[in-house]
Amino acid sequence: MTYMTSSAASAPLASGGIAAGFAGILGAISNHFRVRRSMNELRALSPESLRDIGIERSEIERVVQFGRVGY
C-alpha cells in the first residue's frame, strides 16, 4: 500500500528510484555552486581582463549560464 498520491511526488520513484531522484538533486546543487563560483571569479576580474577574454561585465551571467553561443 502506498500513500503517495501526487504524481510529482512519485516521479523520482517511477524513473529509477529514490537514488535517481537524490542524484538529480545533488546535480542541481552542484551546478548552482559551479555557476555561482564562476560568476564570482569573473566579477573579480578587471575590465581589461574581461575584454581580453572577449566579454563585457554585463554579459557575465549569460556567459556562465549559457556559454558563448552565437559568437
Foldseek 3Di string as FASTA:
>chain_A
DDDDDDPVVCVCVVPPHPVSVVVVVVVVVVLVVQLVVQLVVVVPDDQVVCVVVPDGNVCSNVCSVPNDPPD
